[in-house]
Amino acid sequence: MSDPLDVEIVSLLRKSMNEIGCLQPIIVDKNTGEVLIGRHRHEANPSWERKEIEVKDALHKKLLILHGNVQRKVPEEETRMHLIDIAKILETRGIPKNKICTEIIKLPTPYSPQWIERLLPSEYKMMEKARQPQKFDKVVCQKPEETKPTFKTALDSTTPEDNPYPYPNCLCKNCTNKSQCYGI
């Protein structure tokens, strides 16, 4: 499932290696010798410095690849494919499809829960009950002891007429504590 190598990147890596040497090693599966992270570097120079890692199983391998790709701009589709591979691994381990998204979020991936949920197909997301926003009975925000001058930013309402509350997420009409008030 490897994407084709970008010949321009390989060429730039060769030039970089010749000019300043190896800055980042290739990560290789200790048991199989497979290049997990750094395929372009390996293509640019097969003798590029390597670091071997003991890969425990297919899930561990995919997590290593996800973390290895954090430093580069990875196409969304490539990340989606890795997450789907992880979903399939979890499915073979007996995790029901509709709970796989939740299980992937619990794994040590470098991605936010929202990003994982956005990229996974709907078949792997919880379907049994619709998500409903939580409702709260009272506002938790405490009014500060002394009033400090308030400064508006681009994120704040431009005028009181736009929003009757001082800050977009606040339910307190006199709130001056934006950083701690979430309207709950």
Protein backbone atom coordinates (compact mmCIF):
# COMPACT_ATOMS: atom_id res chain seq x y z
CA MET A 1 0.00 0.00 0.00
CA SER A 2 2.93 2.32 -0.53
CA ASP A 3 2.41 5.50 -2.46
CA PRO A 4 4.74 6.02 -5.43
CA LEU A 5 7.96 7.81 -4.63
CA ASP A 6 8.19 11.48 -5.57
CA VAL A 7 11.29 11.69 -7.81
CA GLU A 8 11.71 15.41 -7.11
CA ILE A 9 11.92 14.78 -3.35
CA VAL A 10 14.40 11.93 -3.93
CA SER A 11 16.55 14.28 -6.01
CA LEU A 12 16.43 17.00 -3.34
CA LEU A 13 17.33 14.46 -0.65
CA ARG A 14 20.37 13.30 -2.67
CA LYS A 15 21.53 16.89 -2.95
CA SER A 16 20.95 17.49 0.76
CA MET A 17 22.82 14.30 1.71
CA ASN A 18 25.79 15.35 -0.46
CA GLU A 19 25.87 18.87 0.98
CA ILE A 20 25.25 18.36 4.71
CA GLY A 21 24.93 14.63 5.36
CA CYS A 22 22.29 12.64 7.21
CA LEU A 23 20.09 14.65 9.55
CA GLN A 24 17.40 12.06 10.22
CA PRO A 25 17.74 8.28 10.05
CA ILE A 26 15.56 5.86 8.15
CA ILE A 27 13.39 3.77 10.49
CA VAL A 28 13.51 0.06 9.66
CA ASP A 29 11.65 -2.98 11.02
CA LYS A 30 14.34 -4.91 12.89
CA ASN A 31 12.80 -8.29 12.01
CA THR A 32 12.03 -7.82 8.32
CA GLY A 33 14.31 -4.99 7.22
CA GLU A 34 11.29 -3.16 5.76
CA VAL A 35 11.67 0.62 5.60
CA LEU A 36 8.85 2.02 7.71
CA ILE A 37 9.78 5.71 7.69
CA GLY A 38 12.08 7.31 5.16
CA ARG A 39 11.37 5.56 1.85
CA HIS A 40 12.46 8.64 -0.08
CA ARG A 41 15.70 8.89 1.91
CA HIS A 42 16.36 5.20 1.28
CA GLU A 43 15.80 5.68 -2.46
CA ALA A 44 18.11 8.72 -2.47
CA ASN A 45 20.91 6.75 -0.78
CA PRO A 46 20.48 3.08 0.26
CA SER A 47 23.34 3.48 2.75
CA TRP A 48 21.54 6.31 4.58
CA GLU A 49 21.84 5.99 8.39
CA ARG A 50 19.27 3.55 9.79
CA LYS A 51 17.59 3.00 13.09
CA GLU A 52 16.08 -0.43 13.69
CA ILE A 53 12.91 -0.79 15.73
CA GLU A 54 11.39 -4.02 17.01
CA VAL A 55 7.88 -4.07 15.51
CA LYS A 56 5.52 -6.05 17.74
CA ASP A 57 2.61 -6.55 15.33
CA ALA A 58 0.68 -4.97 12.45
CA LEU A 59 -1.03 -2.43 14.71
CA HIS A 60 2.29 -1.33 16.23
CA LYS A 61 3.73 -0.98 12.70
CA LYS A 62 0.88 1.30 11.56
CA LEU A 63 1.19 3.46 14.70
CA LEU A 64 4.94 3.85 14.07
CA ILE A 65 4.25 4.96 10.50
CA LEU A 66 1.64 7.51 11.64
CA HIS A 67 4.05 8.99 14.18
CA GLY A 68 6.89 8.95 11.65
CA ASN A 69 4.80 10.97 9.23
CA VAL A 70 4.02 13.77 11.70
CA GLN A 71 6.98 15.89 10.60
CA ARG A 72 5.94 15.94 6.96
CA LYS A 73 2.82 17.12 5.22
CA VAL A 74 1.00 13.87 4.63
CA PRO A 75 -1.83 13.78 2.10
CA GLU A 76 -5.17 13.35 3.87
CA GLU A 77 -5.90 10.25 1.80
CA GLU A 78 -2.68 8.57 2.95
CA THR A 79 -3.56 9.18 6.61
CA ARG A 80 -7.09 7.91 5.93
CA MET A 81 -5.68 4.69 4.45
CA HIS A 82 -3.46 4.10 7.50
CA LEU A 83 -6.42 4.69 9.82
CA ILE A 84 -8.56 2.27 7.78
CA ASP A 85 -5.76 -0.32 8.01
CA ILE A 86 -5.76 0.14 11.80
CA ALA A 87 -9.57 -0.20 11.81
CA LYS A 88 -9.30 -3.49 9.91
CA ILE A 89 -6.67 -4.77 12.36
CA LEU A 90 -8.94 -3.92 15.29
CA GLU A 91 -11.87 -5.57 13.53
CA THR A 92 -9.89 -8.81 13.19
CA ARG A 93 -9.25 -8.56 16.94
CA GLY A 94 -12.98 -8.67 17.59
CA ILE A 95 -13.78 -4.99 18.04
CA PRO A 96 -17.28 -4.29 16.63
CA LYS A 97 -17.20 -1.96 13.63
CA ASN A 98 -19.35 0.68 15.29
CA LYS A 99 -16.85 1.00 18.18
CA ILE A 100 -13.62 1.08 16.18
CA CYS A 101 -13.41 4.87 15.95
CA THR A 102 -13.61 5.10 19.74
CA GLU A 103 -10.88 2.45 20.09
CA ILE A 104 -8.57 4.21 17.59
CA ILE A 105 -9.00 7.47 19.52
CA LYS A 106 -7.74 5.62 22.63
CA LEU A 107 -4.58 4.49 20.81
CA PRO A 108 -1.43 6.62 21.02
CA THR A 109 -1.80 8.27 17.61
CA PRO A 110 -0.54 11.79 16.92
CA TYR A 111 -4.01 12.93 15.80
CA SER A 112 -6.91 14.59 17.56
CA PRO A 113 -10.15 12.64 18.08
CA GLN A 114 -11.93 15.05 15.71
CA TRP A 115 -9.41 14.41 12.92
CA ILE A 116 -9.64 10.63 13.34
CA GLU A 117 -13.42 10.77 13.33
CA ARG A 118 -13.42 12.98 10.23
CA LEU A 119 -11.13 10.66 8.27
CA LEU A 120 -12.67 7.29 9.15
CA PRO A 121 -15.57 5.99 7.06
CA SER A 122 -18.96 6.06 8.81
CA GLU A 123 -19.03 2.26 9.13
CA TYR A 124 -16.38 2.52 11.88
CA LYS A 125 -18.15 5.19 13.91
CA MET A 126 -20.61 4.71 16.73
CA MET A 127 -24.09 4.41 15.23
CA GLU A 128 -26.17 3.07 18.08
CA LYS A 129 -27.17 6.47 19.46
CA ALA A 130 -27.04 9.94 18.01
CA ARG A 131 -24.76 12.36 19.75
CA GLN A 132 -26.63 15.09 21.52
CA PRO A 133 -25.10 18.23 22.96
CA GLN A 134 -24.83 18.19 26.73
CA LYS A 135 -27.15 20.51 28.61
CA PHE A 136 -26.16 22.21 31.81
CA ASP A 137 -28.41 23.78 34.40
CA LYS A 138 -26.17 26.58 35.58
CA VAL A 139 -23.27 28.72 34.53
CA VAL A 140 -19.99 27.82 36.24
CA CYS A 141 -18.21 31.07 35.44
CA GLN A 142 -17.40 33.16 38.53
CA LYS A 143 -17.39 36.92 38.34
CA PRO A 144 -13.90 38.28 39.15
CA GLU A 145 -13.36 40.25 42.37
CA GLU A 146 -12.20 43.40 40.63
CA THR A 147 -13.21 44.61 37.22
CA LYS A 148 -10.38 44.78 34.72
CA PRO A 149 -10.58 46.55 31.38
CA THR A 150 -11.69 44.20 28.63
CA PHE A 151 -10.14 44.09 25.18
CA LYS A 152 -11.96 42.82 22.14
CA THR A 153 -10.29 40.53 19.63
CA ALA A 154 -11.35 39.35 16.19
CA LEU A 155 -12.91 36.29 17.86
CA ASP A 156 -15.16 38.41 20.08
CA SER A 157 -18.49 39.89 19.04
CA THR A 158 -18.04 43.22 17.34
CA THR A 159 -20.97 44.88 19.12
CA PRO A 160 -23.32 43.90 21.93
CA GLU A 161 -26.14 43.81 19.38
CA ASP A 162 -24.43 40.93 17.52
CA ASN A 163 -24.35 38.79 20.64
CA PRO A 164 -26.11 39.68 23.88
CA TYR A 165 -23.31 37.96 25.83
CA PRO A 166 -19.77 39.36 26.06
CA TYR A 167 -18.11 36.29 24.51
CA PRO A 168 -19.39 33.77 21.94
CA ASN A 169 -19.34 30.73 24.28
CA CYS A 170 -20.47 32.57 27.40
CA LEU A 171 -23.93 32.60 28.91
CA CYS A 172 -23.07 35.24 31.53
CA LYS A 173 -24.28 38.70 30.54
CA ASN A 174 -21.56 40.42 32.61
CA CYS A 175 -18.72 37.96 32.06
CA THR A 176 -15.18 39.33 32.00
CA ASN A 177 -13.50 35.97 32.41
CA LYS A 178 -13.33 34.75 28.81
CA SER A 179 -10.48 32.28 29.29
CA GLN A 180 -12.39 30.29 31.90
CA CYS A 181 -16.03 30.72 30.89
CA TYR A 182 -17.45 28.18 28.50
CA GLY A 183 -21.09 28.82 29.18
CA ILE A 184 -21.55 25.66 31.20
